[in-house]
Amino acid sequence: MSEITLVEAVCMALARAMAEDETVLVLGEDVGIDGGVFRATDGLISRFGADRVMDTPLSESLFAGLAVGLGAQGFRPVVEYQFMGFIYPAIDQIVNHAGRLRNRTRGRLTCPMVIRAPYGGGIHAPEHHSESMEALFAHVPGIRVVIPSSPARAYGLLLAAIRDPDPVVFLEPKRIYRAPKEEVADDGAAMPLDQCFTVREGRDVTLVAWGAMIVETLVAAETLAAEGVEAEVIDVATLKPLDMATILSSVERTGRCAIVHEAPQSGGVGAEIAAGLADRGLVNLLAPVQRVTGYDTVMPLPRLETYYMPTEERILRTVRRVLAYA
């Protein structure tokens, strides 16, 4: 077992899935010969051949539709979009066909496909390369939305997504693609979907985050611990369907909650979590639920990107405001 990066864990999971199941295919722009824009599919074409690792034309809608057809006919396609900002031409296929196929056929057909895309800011990329639009897909019936926050979770959750009988949007936070590293065993063990992970236990406040924001949230929790405040940190991991039970259980113990995400605030998944706490956990709250988010604007590249992204300082200010309530 060796220490690997998140992007290496993605590649390792793809290779494991393809070795175990010949119906698993990988397709997308430059995934074959070039190994993907971030090298997430590096070496797969030489190992499994061009009939299973397919470079596609520059047509996002086309290969999304191809994947829907493949999924409906017994294959398990894994589609890579180079950046989340390039996924929008495929929304027609994802929403109107992949997400509806089970319902449309009353369960006679399913669509086991995974739509992968690097997402989020923090690498000073051009426009369309720093999107955090997970809420867009979390709103769509029939679609799972999964976001890993570490190499181990990238490996285990991607395997689970590939094995799932229904379509999964799998968003990979590219800001942490290559840091930090973590020991990951290539043992083929999947992690459970539809379940939050408690990555730090605490008694005073619950911090809820996902993706790259787990990094700043854990750093803020360490700072709080030095001040005598023990924060519990929950990695949502699967945003749809949302595991509210784990979040509610944590808030029942702590009485306070702050939600951290880099996506714009309005209509975000953080609002859905806050609504769930209001609906089912209000009697346990000692303070209003607060959010630390991106802003309701396009990522202001390049100079204001660091201002847009939630920071440890912003998280700490928000948590201290939550703690100030008697």
C-alpha atoms as a PDB file:
ATOM      1  CA  MET A   1       0.000   0.000   0.000  1.00  0.00           C
ATOM      2  CA  SER A   2       1.523   3.299  -1.091  1.00  0.00           C
ATOM      3  CA  GLU A   3       0.709   6.969  -0.634  1.00  0.00           C
ATOM      4  CA  ILE A   4      -1.043   8.372  -3.687  1.00  0.00           C
ATOM      5  CA  THR A   5      -2.834  11.540  -4.724  1.00  0.00           C
ATOM      6  CA  LEU A   6      -6.544  11.923  -5.330  1.00  0.00           C
ATOM      7  CA  VAL A   7      -6.125  11.906  -9.124  1.00  0.00           C
ATOM      8  CA  GLU A   8      -3.975   8.774  -8.887  1.00  0.00           C
ATOM      9  CA  ALA A   9      -6.693   7.161  -6.759  1.00  0.00           C
ATOM     10  CA  VAL A  10      -9.236   7.934  -9.471  1.00  0.00           C
ATOM     11  CA  CYS A  11      -7.025   6.279 -12.076  1.00  0.00           C
ATOM     12  CA  MET A  12      -6.435   3.290  -9.808  1.00  0.00           C
ATOM     13  CA  ALA A  13     -10.180   2.857  -9.232  1.00  0.00           C
ATOM     14  CA  LEU A  14     -10.870   3.021 -12.968  1.00  0.00           C
ATOM     15  CA  ALA A  15      -8.211   0.392 -13.666  1.00  0.00           C
ATOM     16  CA  ARG A  16      -9.565  -1.882 -10.920  1.00  0.00           C
ATOM     17  CA  ALA A  17     -13.139  -1.554 -12.199  1.00  0.00           C
ATOM     18  CA  MET A  18     -12.086  -2.243 -15.791  1.00  0.00           C
ATOM     19  CA  ALA A  19      -9.997  -5.257 -14.785  1.00  0.00           C
ATOM     20  CA  GLU A  20     -12.884  -6.762 -12.810  1.00  0.00           C
ATOM     21  CA  ASP A  21     -15.697  -6.024 -15.272  1.00  0.00           C
ATOM     22  CA  GLU A  22     -15.254  -5.978 -19.032  1.00  0.00           C
ATOM     23  CA  THR A  23     -18.454  -3.950 -19.458  1.00  0.00           C
ATOM     24  CA  VAL A  24     -16.764  -0.914 -17.857  1.00  0.00           C
ATOM     25  CA  LEU A  25     -15.731   1.547 -20.573  1.00  0.00           C
ATOM     26  CA  VAL A  26     -14.044   4.947 -20.364  1.00  0.00           C
ATOM     27  CA  LEU A  27     -14.820   7.656 -22.892  1.00  0.00           C
ATOM     28  CA  GLY A  28     -14.264  11.371 -23.289  1.00  0.00           C
ATOM     29  CA  GLU A  29     -12.042  13.989 -24.847  1.00  0.00           C
ATOM     30  CA  ASP A  30      -8.340  13.024 -24.725  1.00  0.00           C
ATOM     31  CA  VAL A  31      -8.887  10.212 -22.196  1.00  0.00           C
ATOM     32  CA  GLY A  32      -7.035   7.695 -24.325  1.00  0.00           C
ATOM     33  CA  ILE A  33      -3.708   8.584 -25.905  1.00  0.00           C
ATOM     34  CA  ASP A  34      -3.139  11.666 -23.727  1.00  0.00           C
ATOM     35  CA  GLY A  35      -4.468  10.082 -20.527  1.00  0.00           C
ATOM     36  CA  GLY A  36      -6.848  12.955 -19.785  1.00  0.00           C
ATOM     37  CA  VAL A  37      -6.192  16.629 -19.205  1.00  0.00           C
ATOM     38  CA  PHE A  38      -5.294  15.904 -15.554  1.00  0.00           C
ATOM     39  CA  ARG A  39      -3.910  12.410 -16.336  1.00  0.00           C
ATOM     40  CA  ALA A  40      -6.757  10.700 -14.507  1.00  0.00           C
ATOM     41  CA  THR A  41      -6.882   8.021 -17.220  1.00  0.00           C
ATOM     42  CA  ASP A  42      -3.129   7.770 -17.731  1.00  0.00           C
ATOM     43  CA  GLY A  43      -2.054   4.343 -19.005  1.00  0.00           C
ATOM     44  CA  LEU A  44      -5.539   2.886 -19.321  1.00  0.00           C
ATOM     45  CA  ILE A  45      -5.532   2.726 -23.120  1.00  0.00           C
ATOM     46  CA  SER A  46      -2.285   0.757 -23.232  1.00  0.00           C
ATOM     47  CA  ARG A  47      -3.670  -1.698 -20.685  1.00  0.00           C
ATOM     48  CA  PHE A  48      -7.245  -2.124 -21.913  1.00  0.00           C
ATOM     49  CA  GLY A  49      -7.138  -1.017 -25.559  1.00  0.00           C
ATOM     50  CA  ALA A  50      -8.857   1.620 -27.660  1.00  0.00           C
ATOM     51  CA  ASP A  51     -12.129  -0.318 -27.771  1.00  0.00           C
ATOM     52  CA  ARG A  52     -12.562   0.243 -24.013  1.00  0.00           C
ATOM     53  CA  VAL A  53     -10.801   3.615 -23.592  1.00  0.00           C
ATOM     54  CA  MET A  54     -12.268   5.808 -26.307  1.00  0.00           C
ATOM     55  CA  ASP A  55     -11.204   9.280 -27.364  1.00  0.00           C
ATOM     56  CA  THR A  56     -14.324  11.121 -28.477  1.00  0.00           C
ATOM     57  CA  PRO A  57     -14.996  14.074 -30.776  1.00  0.00           C
ATOM     58  CA  LEU A  58     -15.319  17.527 -29.250  1.00  0.00           C
ATOM     59  CA  SER A  59     -19.054  17.079 -28.660  1.00  0.00           C
ATOM     60  CA  GLU A  60     -20.124  16.772 -25.038  1.00  0.00           C
ATOM     61  CA  SER A  61     -23.753  16.079 -25.884  1.00  0.00           C
ATOM     62  CA  LEU A  62     -22.774  13.348 -28.338  1.00  0.00           C
ATOM     63  CA  PHE A  63     -20.755  11.222 -25.965  1.00  0.00           C
ATOM     64  CA  ALA A  64     -23.237  11.719 -23.127  1.00  0.00           C
ATOM     65  CA  GLY A  65     -25.907  10.295 -25.419  1.00  0.00           C
ATOM     66  CA  LEU A  66     -23.563   7.482 -26.440  1.00  0.00           C
ATOM     67  CA  ALA A  67     -23.057   6.643 -22.762  1.00  0.00           C
ATOM     68  CA  VAL A  68     -26.814   6.570 -22.134  1.00  0.00           C
ATOM     69  CA  GLY A  69     -27.211   4.060 -24.958  1.00  0.00           C
ATOM     70  CA  LEU A  70     -24.306   1.963 -23.725  1.00  0.00           C
ATOM     71  CA  GLY A  71     -25.651   1.986 -20.160  1.00  0.00           C
ATOM     72  CA  ALA A  72     -29.096   0.916 -21.311  1.00  0.00           C
ATOM     73  CA  GLN A  73     -27.612  -2.013 -23.244  1.00  0.00           C
ATOM     74  CA  GLY A  74     -25.529  -3.660 -20.541  1.00  0.00           C
ATOM     75  CA  PHE A  75     -22.338  -1.614 -20.395  1.00  0.00           C
ATOM     76  CA  ARG A  76     -21.049   0.580 -17.581  1.00  0.00           C
ATOM     77  CA  PRO A  77     -19.619   3.672 -19.264  1.00  0.00           C
ATOM     78  CA  VAL A  78     -17.532   6.207 -17.359  1.00  0.00           C
ATOM     79  CA  VAL A  79     -17.604   9.566 -19.120  1.00  0.00           C
ATOM     80  CA  GLU A  80     -14.984  12.216 -18.429  1.00  0.00           C
ATOM     81  CA  TYR A  81     -15.619  15.907 -18.980  1.00  0.00           C
ATOM     82  CA  GLN A  82     -12.410  17.904 -18.925  1.00  0.00           C
ATOM     83  CA  PHE A  83     -13.910  20.561 -16.636  1.00  0.00           C
ATOM     84  CA  MET A  84     -17.320  20.948 -15.028  1.00  0.00           C
ATOM     85  CA  GLY A  85     -17.859  24.083 -17.101  1.00  0.00           C
ATOM     86  CA  PHE A  86     -17.857  21.907 -20.222  1.00  0.00           C
ATOM     87  CA  ILE A  87     -20.632  19.618 -19.005  1.00  0.00           C
ATOM     88  CA  TYR A  88     -23.588  21.894 -19.769  1.00  0.00           C
ATOM     89  CA  PRO A  89     -24.102  20.808 -23.420  1.00  0.00           C
ATOM     90  CA  ALA A  90     -24.688  17.298 -22.051  1.00  0.00           C
ATOM     91  CA  ILE A  91     -27.420  18.317 -19.603  1.00  0.00           C
ATOM     92  CA  ASP A  92     -30.166  17.366 -22.066  1.00  0.00           C
ATOM     93  CA  GLN A  93     -28.889  13.773 -22.195  1.00  0.00           C
ATOM     94  CA  ILE A  94     -28.171  13.563 -18.455  1.00  0.00           C
ATOM     95  CA  VAL A  95     -31.459  15.042 -17.259  1.00  0.00           C
ATOM     96  CA  ASN A  96     -33.919  13.936 -19.928  1.00  0.00           C
ATOM     97  CA  HIS A  97     -32.558  10.459 -20.579  1.00  0.00           C
ATOM     98  CA  ALA A  98     -30.020   9.122 -18.053  1.00  0.00           C
ATOM     99  CA  GLY A  99     -31.975  10.336 -15.036  1.00  0.00           C
ATOM    100  CA  ARG A 100     -35.362   9.238 -16.384  1.00  0.00           C
ATOM    101  CA  LEU A 101     -34.625   5.864 -17.983  1.00  0.00           C
ATOM    102  CA  ARG A 102     -35.533   3.704 -14.962  1.00  0.00           C
ATOM    103  CA  ASN A 103     -38.798   5.587 -14.437  1.00  0.00           C
ATOM    104  CA  ARG A 104     -39.616   5.809 -18.129  1.00  0.00           C
ATOM    105  CA  THR A 105     -39.339   2.048 -18.595  1.00  0.00           C
ATOM    106  CA  ARG A 106     -40.856   1.182 -15.199  1.00  0.00           C
ATOM    107  CA  GLY A 107     -37.591  -0.456 -14.173  1.00  0.00           C
ATOM    108  CA  ARG A 108     -37.109  -2.566 -17.310  1.00  0.00           C
ATOM    109  CA  LEU A 109     -34.018  -0.531 -18.200  1.00  0.00           C
ATOM    110  CA  THR A 110     -31.481   1.208 -16.017  1.00  0.00           C
ATOM    111  CA  CYS A 111     -28.604   3.510 -16.871  1.00  0.00           C
ATOM    112  CA  PRO A 112     -25.445   2.565 -14.949  1.00  0.00           C
ATOM    113  CA  MET A 113     -23.161   5.376 -16.103  1.00  0.00           C
ATOM    114  CA  VAL A 114     -20.754   7.667 -14.275  1.00  0.00           C
ATOM    115  CA  ILE A 115     -20.213  11.255 -15.378  1.00  0.00           C
ATOM    116  CA  ARG A 116     -16.834  12.427 -14.058  1.00  0.00           C
ATOM    117  CA  ALA A 117     -15.639  16.019 -14.072  1.00  0.00           C
ATOM    118  CA  PRO A 118     -12.933  18.028 -12.304  1.00  0.00           C
ATOM    119  CA  TYR A 119     -14.713  20.857 -10.529  1.00  0.00           C
ATOM    120  CA  GLY A 120     -14.161  23.865  -8.287  1.00  0.00           C
ATOM    121  CA  GLY A 121     -11.738  26.749  -8.110  1.00  0.00           C
ATOM    122  CA  GLY A 122      -8.374  27.376  -6.587  1.00  0.00           C
ATOM    123  CA  ILE A 123      -6.026  26.716  -9.508  1.00  0.00           C
ATOM    124  CA  HIS A 124      -6.341  30.111 -11.266  1.00  0.00           C
ATOM    125  CA  ALA A 125      -7.764  28.601 -14.430  1.00  0.00           C
ATOM    126  CA  PRO A 126      -9.699  30.550 -17.097  1.00  0.00           C
ATOM    127  CA  GLU A 127     -13.481  30.972 -17.165  1.00  0.00           C
ATOM    128  CA  HIS A 128     -15.496  27.720 -17.430  1.00  0.00           C
ATOM    129  CA  HIS A 129     -12.702  25.902 -15.610  1.00  0.00           C
ATOM    130  CA  SER A 130     -13.648  26.735 -11.998  1.00  0.00           C
ATOM    131  CA  GLU A 131     -17.336  25.928 -11.742  1.00  0.00           C
ATOM    132  CA  SER A 132     -18.981  24.563  -8.579  1.00  0.00           C
ATOM    133  CA  MET A 133     -22.471  23.780  -9.834  1.00  0.00           C
ATOM    134  CA  GLU A 134     -23.186  20.607  -7.882  1.00  0.00           C
ATOM    135  CA  ALA A 135     -26.616  21.920  -6.833  1.00  0.00           C
ATOM    136  CA  LEU A 136     -27.681  21.892 -10.485  1.00  0.00           C
ATOM    137  CA  PHE A 137     -27.423  18.099 -10.595  1.00  0.00           C
ATOM    138  CA  ALA A 138     -28.542  17.541  -7.001  1.00  0.00           C
ATOM    139  CA  HIS A 139     -31.911  18.983  -8.068  1.00  0.00           C
ATOM    140  CA  VAL A 140     -32.405  16.363 -10.802  1.00  0.00           C
ATOM    141  CA  PRO A 141     -34.480  13.267  -9.949  1.00  0.00           C
ATOM    142  CA  GLY A 142     -32.760  10.003 -10.768  1.00  0.00           C
ATOM    143  CA  ILE A 143     -29.207  11.365 -10.526  1.00  0.00           C
ATOM    144  CA  ARG A 144     -26.749  10.708  -7.703  1.00  0.00           C
ATOM    145  CA  VAL A 145     -24.153  13.389  -6.960  1.00  0.00           C
ATOM    146  CA  VAL A 146     -20.921  12.286  -5.299  1.00  0.00           C
ATOM    147  CA  ILE A 147     -17.878  14.397  -4.374  1.00  0.00           C
ATOM    148  CA  PRO A 148     -14.767  12.837  -2.785  1.00  0.00           C
ATOM    149  CA  SER A 149     -12.513  14.808  -0.453  1.00  0.00           C
ATOM    150  CA  SER A 150      -9.494  12.499  -0.155  1.00  0.00           C
ATOM    151  CA  PRO A 151      -7.634   9.846  -2.164  1.00  0.00           C
ATOM    152  CA  ALA A 152      -9.162   6.984  -0.158  1.00  0.00           C
ATOM    153  CA  ARG A 153     -12.691   8.289  -0.607  1.00  0.00           C
ATOM    154  CA  ALA A 154     -12.052   8.984  -4.298  1.00  0.00           C
ATOM    155  CA  TYR A 155     -11.050   5.333  -4.786  1.00  0.00           C
ATOM    156  CA  GLY A 156     -13.843   3.777  -2.729  1.00  0.00           C
ATOM    157  CA  LEU A 157     -16.644   6.077  -3.851  1.00  0.00           C
ATOM    158  CA  LEU A 158     -15.731   5.879  -7.543  1.00  0.00           C
ATOM    159  CA  LEU A 159     -15.826   2.081  -7.407  1.00  0.00           C
ATOM    160  CA  ALA A 160     -19.237   2.278  -5.734  1.00  0.00           C
ATOM    161  CA  ALA A 161     -20.441   4.755  -8.372  1.00  0.00           C
ATOM    162  CA  ILE A 162     -19.319   2.517 -11.241  1.00  0.00           C
ATOM    163  CA  ARG A 163     -21.075  -0.488  -9.669  1.00  0.00           C
ATOM    164  CA  ASP A 164     -24.296   1.428  -9.018  1.00  0.00           C
ATOM    165  CA  PRO A 165     -27.202   0.573 -11.360  1.00  0.00           C
ATOM    166  CA  ASP A 166     -28.172   4.215 -11.855  1.00  0.00           C
ATOM    167  CA  PRO A 167     -26.387   7.333 -13.174  1.00  0.00           C
ATOM    168  CA  VAL A 168     -23.904   9.100 -10.905  1.00  0.00           C
ATOM    169  CA  VAL A 169     -22.366  12.543 -11.368  1.00  0.00           C
ATOM    170  CA  PHE A 170     -18.920  12.217  -9.787  1.00  0.00           C
ATOM    171  CA  LEU A 171     -17.253  15.584  -9.236  1.00  0.00           C
ATOM    172  CA  GLU A 172     -13.539  15.643  -8.425  1.00  0.00           C
ATOM    173  CA  PRO A 173     -12.158  18.729  -6.612  1.00  0.00           C
ATOM    174  CA  LYS A 174      -9.171  19.523  -8.772  1.00  0.00           C
ATOM    175  CA  ARG A 175      -7.632  21.879  -6.210  1.00  0.00           C
ATOM    176  CA  ILE A 176      -6.725  18.809  -4.154  1.00  0.00           C
ATOM    177  CA  TYR A 177      -6.025  16.485  -7.087  1.00  0.00           C
ATOM    178  CA  ARG A 178      -2.356  16.253  -6.129  1.00  0.00           C
ATOM    179  CA  ALA A 179      -2.279  17.161  -2.441  1.00  0.00           C
ATOM    180  CA  PRO A 180      -2.463  15.761   0.120  1.00  0.00           C
ATOM    181  CA  LYS A 181      -1.338  12.170  -0.406  1.00  0.00           C
ATOM    182  CA  GLU A 182      -2.804   9.226   1.459  1.00  0.00           C
ATOM    183  CA  GLU A 183      -2.237   5.491   1.733  1.00  0.00           C
ATOM    184  CA  VAL A 184      -4.805   3.677  -0.386  1.00  0.00           C
ATOM    185  CA  ALA A 185      -4.975  -0.094  -0.824  1.00  0.00           C
ATOM    186  CA  ASP A 186      -5.931  -1.256  -4.301  1.00  0.00           C
ATOM    187  CA  ASP A 187      -8.205  -3.923  -2.861  1.00  0.00           C
ATOM    188  CA  GLY A 188     -11.382  -3.217  -4.832  1.00  0.00           C
ATOM    189  CA  ALA A 189     -13.309  -2.270  -1.696  1.00  0.00           C
ATOM    190  CA  ALA A 190     -16.042   0.261  -2.362  1.00  0.00           C
ATOM    191  CA  MET A 191     -17.204   2.829   0.154  1.00  0.00           C
ATOM    192  CA  PRO A 192     -20.920   3.291   0.789  1.00  0.00           C
ATOM    193  CA  LEU A 193     -22.802   5.842  -1.259  1.00  0.00           C
ATOM    194  CA  ASP A 194     -25.600   7.965   0.240  1.00  0.00           C
ATOM    195  CA  GLN A 195     -23.714   8.302   3.528  1.00  0.00           C
ATOM    196  CA  CYS A 196     -21.846  11.148   5.220  1.00  0.00           C
ATOM    197  CA  PHE A 197     -18.452  10.543   6.805  1.00  0.00           C
ATOM    198  CA  THR A 198     -17.592  11.979  10.215  1.00  0.00           C
ATOM    199  CA  VAL A 199     -13.937  12.910   9.734  1.00  0.00           C
ATOM    200  CA  ARG A 200     -13.471  14.633  13.105  1.00  0.00           C
ATOM    201  CA  GLU A 201     -15.489  14.197  16.274  1.00  0.00           C
ATOM    202  CA  GLY A 202     -16.462  17.090  18.521  1.00  0.00           C
ATOM    203  CA  ARG A 203     -19.017  18.270  21.042  1.00  0.00           C
ATOM    204  CA  ASP A 204     -19.382  22.043  20.589  1.00  0.00           C
ATOM    205  CA  VAL A 205     -20.285  22.732  16.947  1.00  0.00           C
ATOM    206  CA  THR A 206     -20.936  20.737  13.770  1.00  0.00           C
ATOM    207  CA  LEU A 207     -19.103  21.794  10.608  1.00  0.00           C
ATOM    208  CA  VAL A 208     -20.542  20.359   7.401  1.00  0.00           C
ATOM    209  CA  ALA A 209     -18.556  20.485   4.160  1.00  0.00           C
ATOM    210  CA  TRP A 210     -17.572  18.476   1.085  1.00  0.00           C
ATOM    211  CA  GLY A 211     -14.909  18.314  -1.583  1.00  0.00           C
ATOM    212  CA  ALA A 212     -11.872  20.558  -1.267  1.00  0.00           C
ATOM    213  CA  MET A 213     -13.569  22.600   1.467  1.00  0.00           C
ATOM    214  CA  ILE A 214     -12.905  19.744   3.878  1.00  0.00           C
ATOM    215  CA  VAL A 215      -9.269  20.920   3.934  1.00  0.00           C
ATOM    216  CA  GLU A 216     -10.005  24.432   5.228  1.00  0.00           C
ATOM    217  CA  THR A 217     -12.725  23.118   7.514  1.00  0.00           C
ATOM    218  CA  LEU A 218     -10.359  20.669   9.221  1.00  0.00           C
ATOM    219  CA  VAL A 219      -7.697  23.365   9.596  1.00  0.00           C
ATOM    220  CA  ALA A 220     -10.291  25.654  11.191  1.00  0.00           C
ATOM    221  CA  ALA A 221     -11.319  22.810  13.521  1.00  0.00           C
ATOM    222  CA  GLU A 222      -7.715  22.429  14.673  1.00  0.00           C
ATOM    223  CA  THR A 223      -7.483  26.159  15.380  1.00  0.00           C
ATOM    224  CA  LEU A 224     -10.719  25.986  17.367  1.00  0.00           C
ATOM    225  CA  ALA A 225      -9.416  23.007  19.317  1.00  0.00           C
ATOM    226  CA  ALA A 226      -6.438  25.082  20.438  1.00  0.00           C
ATOM    227  CA  GLU A 227      -8.998  27.550  21.848  1.00  0.00           C
ATOM    228  CA  GLY A 228     -10.865  24.808  23.691  1.00  0.00           C
ATOM    229  CA  VAL A 229     -13.666  24.411  21.149  1.00  0.00           C
ATOM    230  CA  GLU A 230     -14.164  20.903  19.771  1.00  0.00           C
ATOM    231  CA  ALA A 231     -15.726  20.958  16.308  1.00  0.00           C
ATOM    232  CA  GLU A 232     -17.214  17.892  14.681  1.00  0.00           C
ATOM    233  CA  VAL A 233     -16.494  17.812  10.930  1.00  0.00           C
ATOM    234  CA  ILE A 234     -18.806  15.967   8.567  1.00  0.00           C
ATOM    235  CA  ASP A 235     -17.900  15.216   4.955  1.00  0.00           C
ATOM    236  CA  VAL A 236     -21.213  14.978   3.094  1.00  0.00           C
ATOM    237  CA  ALA A 237     -19.615  12.999   0.193  1.00  0.00           C
ATOM    238  CA  THR A 238     -22.967  12.071  -1.431  1.00  0.00           C
ATOM    239  CA  LEU A 239     -24.953  15.245  -1.971  1.00  0.00           C
ATOM    240  CA  LYS A 240     -27.887  13.443  -3.574  1.00  0.00           C
ATOM    241  CA  PRO A 241     -29.485  11.542  -1.937  1.00  0.00           C
ATOM    242  CA  LEU A 242     -28.514  13.483   1.160  1.00  0.00           C
ATOM    243  CA  ASP A 243     -27.772  11.659   4.411  1.00  0.00           C
ATOM    244  CA  MET A 244     -29.532  14.061   6.790  1.00  0.00           C
ATOM    245  CA  ALA A 245     -29.615  11.460   9.553  1.00  0.00           C
ATOM    246  CA  THR A 246     -25.877  11.741  10.212  1.00  0.00           C
ATOM    247  CA  ILE A 247     -26.018  15.552  10.218  1.00  0.00           C
ATOM    248  CA  LEU A 248     -29.064  15.626  12.488  1.00  0.00           C
ATOM    249  CA  SER A 249     -27.432  13.195  14.887  1.00  0.00           C
ATOM    250  CA  SER A 250     -24.341  15.401  15.115  1.00  0.00           C
ATOM    251  CA  VAL A 251     -26.329  18.597  15.670  1.00  0.00           C
ATOM    252  CA  GLU A 252     -28.378  16.842  18.343  1.00  0.00           C
ATOM    253  CA  ARG A 253     -25.089  16.484  20.267  1.00  0.00           C
ATOM    254  CA  THR A 254     -23.513  19.869  19.479  1.00  0.00           C
ATOM    255  CA  GLY A 255     -26.538  22.177  19.152  1.00  0.00           C
ATOM    256  CA  ARG A 256     -24.778  24.362  16.567  1.00  0.00           C
ATOM    257  CA  CYS A 257     -23.974  24.073  12.868  1.00  0.00           C
ATOM    258  CA  ALA A 258     -22.047  25.880  10.138  1.00  0.00           C
ATOM    259  CA  ILE A 259     -22.064  24.709   6.526  1.00  0.00           C
ATOM    260  CA  VAL A 260     -19.119  25.339   4.209  1.00  0.00           C
ATOM    261  CA  HIS A 261     -19.136  25.161   0.398  1.00  0.00           C
ATOM    262  CA  GLU A 262     -17.422  27.082  -2.382  1.00  0.00           C
ATOM    263  CA  ALA A 263     -20.441  27.062  -4.704  1.00  0.00           C
ATOM    264  CA  PRO A 264     -22.574  30.226  -4.871  1.00  0.00           C
ATOM    265  CA  GLN A 265     -24.822  30.657  -1.852  1.00  0.00           C
ATOM    266  CA  SER A 266     -28.265  31.013  -3.442  1.00  0.00           C
ATOM    267  CA  GLY A 267     -29.943  27.682  -4.121  1.00  0.00           C
ATOM    268  CA  GLY A 268     -26.921  25.744  -2.922  1.00  0.00           C
ATOM    269  CA  VAL A 269     -26.830  22.356  -1.231  1.00  0.00           C
ATOM    270  CA  GLY A 270     -25.993  24.189   1.994  1.00  0.00           C
ATOM    271  CA  ALA A 271     -29.469  25.735   1.901  1.00  0.00           C
ATOM    272  CA  GLU A 272     -30.997  22.258   1.580  1.00  0.00           C
ATOM    273  CA  ILE A 273     -29.049  21.063   4.619  1.00  0.00           C
ATOM    274  CA  ALA A 274     -30.122  24.140   6.582  1.00  0.00           C
ATOM    275  CA  ALA A 275     -33.744  23.491   5.594  1.00  0.00           C
ATOM    276  CA  GLY A 276     -33.427  19.887   6.761  1.00  0.00           C
ATOM    277  CA  LEU A 277     -32.138  21.076  10.122  1.00  0.00           C
ATOM    278  CA  ALA A 278     -35.019  23.555  10.399  1.00  0.00           C
ATOM    279  CA  ASP A 279     -37.542  20.849   9.524  1.00  0.00           C
ATOM    280  CA  ARG A 280     -36.247  18.041  11.721  1.00  0.00           C
ATOM    281  CA  GLY A 281     -33.650  19.438  14.098  1.00  0.00           C
ATOM    282  CA  LEU A 282     -34.944  22.828  15.215  1.00  0.00           C
ATOM    283  CA  VAL A 283     -35.489  21.773  18.823  1.00  0.00           C
ATOM    284  CA  ASN A 284     -31.817  20.843  19.124  1.00  0.00           C
ATOM    285  CA  LEU A 285     -30.398  24.095  17.747  1.00  0.00           C
ATOM    286  CA  LEU A 286     -28.924  26.574  20.216  1.00  0.00           C
ATOM    287  CA  ALA A 287     -28.074  29.065  17.449  1.00  0.00           C
ATOM    288  CA  PRO A 288     -29.096  29.816  13.844  1.00  0.00           C
ATOM    289  CA  VAL A 289     -27.471  27.649  11.191  1.00  0.00           C
ATOM    290  CA  GLN A 290     -24.832  29.649   9.325  1.00  0.00           C
ATOM    291  CA  ARG A 291     -23.250  29.202   5.880  1.00  0.00           C
ATOM    292  CA  VAL A 292     -19.784  30.020   4.578  1.00  0.00           C
ATOM    293  CA  THR A 293     -19.952  29.956   0.787  1.00  0.00           C
ATOM    294  CA  GLY A 294     -18.813  31.394  -2.492  1.00  0.00           C
ATOM    295  CA  TYR A 295     -20.619  34.420  -3.854  1.00  0.00           C
ATOM    296  CA  ASP A 296     -23.515  34.742  -6.278  1.00  0.00           C
ATOM    297  CA  THR A 297     -21.286  35.634  -9.170  1.00  0.00           C
ATOM    298  CA  VAL A 298     -19.089  33.992 -11.762  1.00  0.00           C
ATOM    299  CA  MET A 299     -15.687  33.140 -10.297  1.00  0.00           C
ATOM    300  CA  PRO A 300     -13.791  36.490 -10.511  1.00  0.00           C
ATOM    301  CA  LEU A 301     -10.625  35.263 -12.178  1.00  0.00           C
ATOM    302  CA  PRO A 302      -7.776  35.551 -11.748  1.00  0.00           C
ATOM    303  CA  ARG A 303      -7.009  38.116  -9.041  1.00  0.00           C
ATOM    304  CA  LEU A 304     -10.104  37.792  -6.863  1.00  0.00           C
ATOM    305  CA  GLU A 305     -10.321  33.993  -6.879  1.00  0.00           C
ATOM    306  CA  THR A 306      -8.782  33.713  -3.405  1.00  0.00           C
ATOM    307  CA  TYR A 307     -11.282  36.286  -2.125  1.00  0.00           C
ATOM    308  CA  TYR A 308     -14.161  34.281  -3.587  1.00  0.00           C
ATOM    309  CA  MET A 309     -13.110  30.985  -2.027  1.00  0.00           C
ATOM    310  CA  PRO A 310     -14.095  30.303   1.610  1.00  0.00           C
ATOM    311  CA  THR A 311     -11.009  30.490   3.820  1.00  0.00           C
ATOM    312  CA  GLU A 312     -10.078  29.302   7.286  1.00  0.00           C
ATOM    313  CA  GLU A 313     -10.539  32.875   8.521  1.00  0.00           C
ATOM    314  CA  ARG A 314     -14.083  33.111   7.140  1.00  0.00           C
ATOM    315  CA  ILE A 315     -14.972  29.747   8.672  1.00  0.00           C
ATOM    316  CA  LEU A 316     -13.578  30.790  12.052  1.00  0.00           C
ATOM    317  CA  ARG A 317     -15.484  34.088  12.023  1.00  0.00           C
ATOM    318  CA  THR A 318     -18.713  32.258  11.268  1.00  0.00           C
ATOM    319  CA  VAL A 319     -18.176  29.571  13.908  1.00  0.00           C
ATOM    320  CA  ARG A 320     -17.378  32.191  16.555  1.00  0.00           C
ATOM    321  CA  ARG A 321     -20.610  33.983  15.650  1.00  0.00           C
ATOM    322  CA  VAL A 322     -22.518  30.715  16.074  1.00  0.00           C
ATOM    323  CA  LEU A 323     -20.803  30.064  19.408  1.00  0.00           C
ATOM    324  CA  ALA A 324     -21.642  33.567  20.636  1.00  0.00           C
ATOM    325  CA  TYR A 325     -25.319  32.702  20.960  1.00  0.00           C
ATOM    326  CA  ALA A 326     -26.158  31.929  24.586  1.00  0.00           C
END
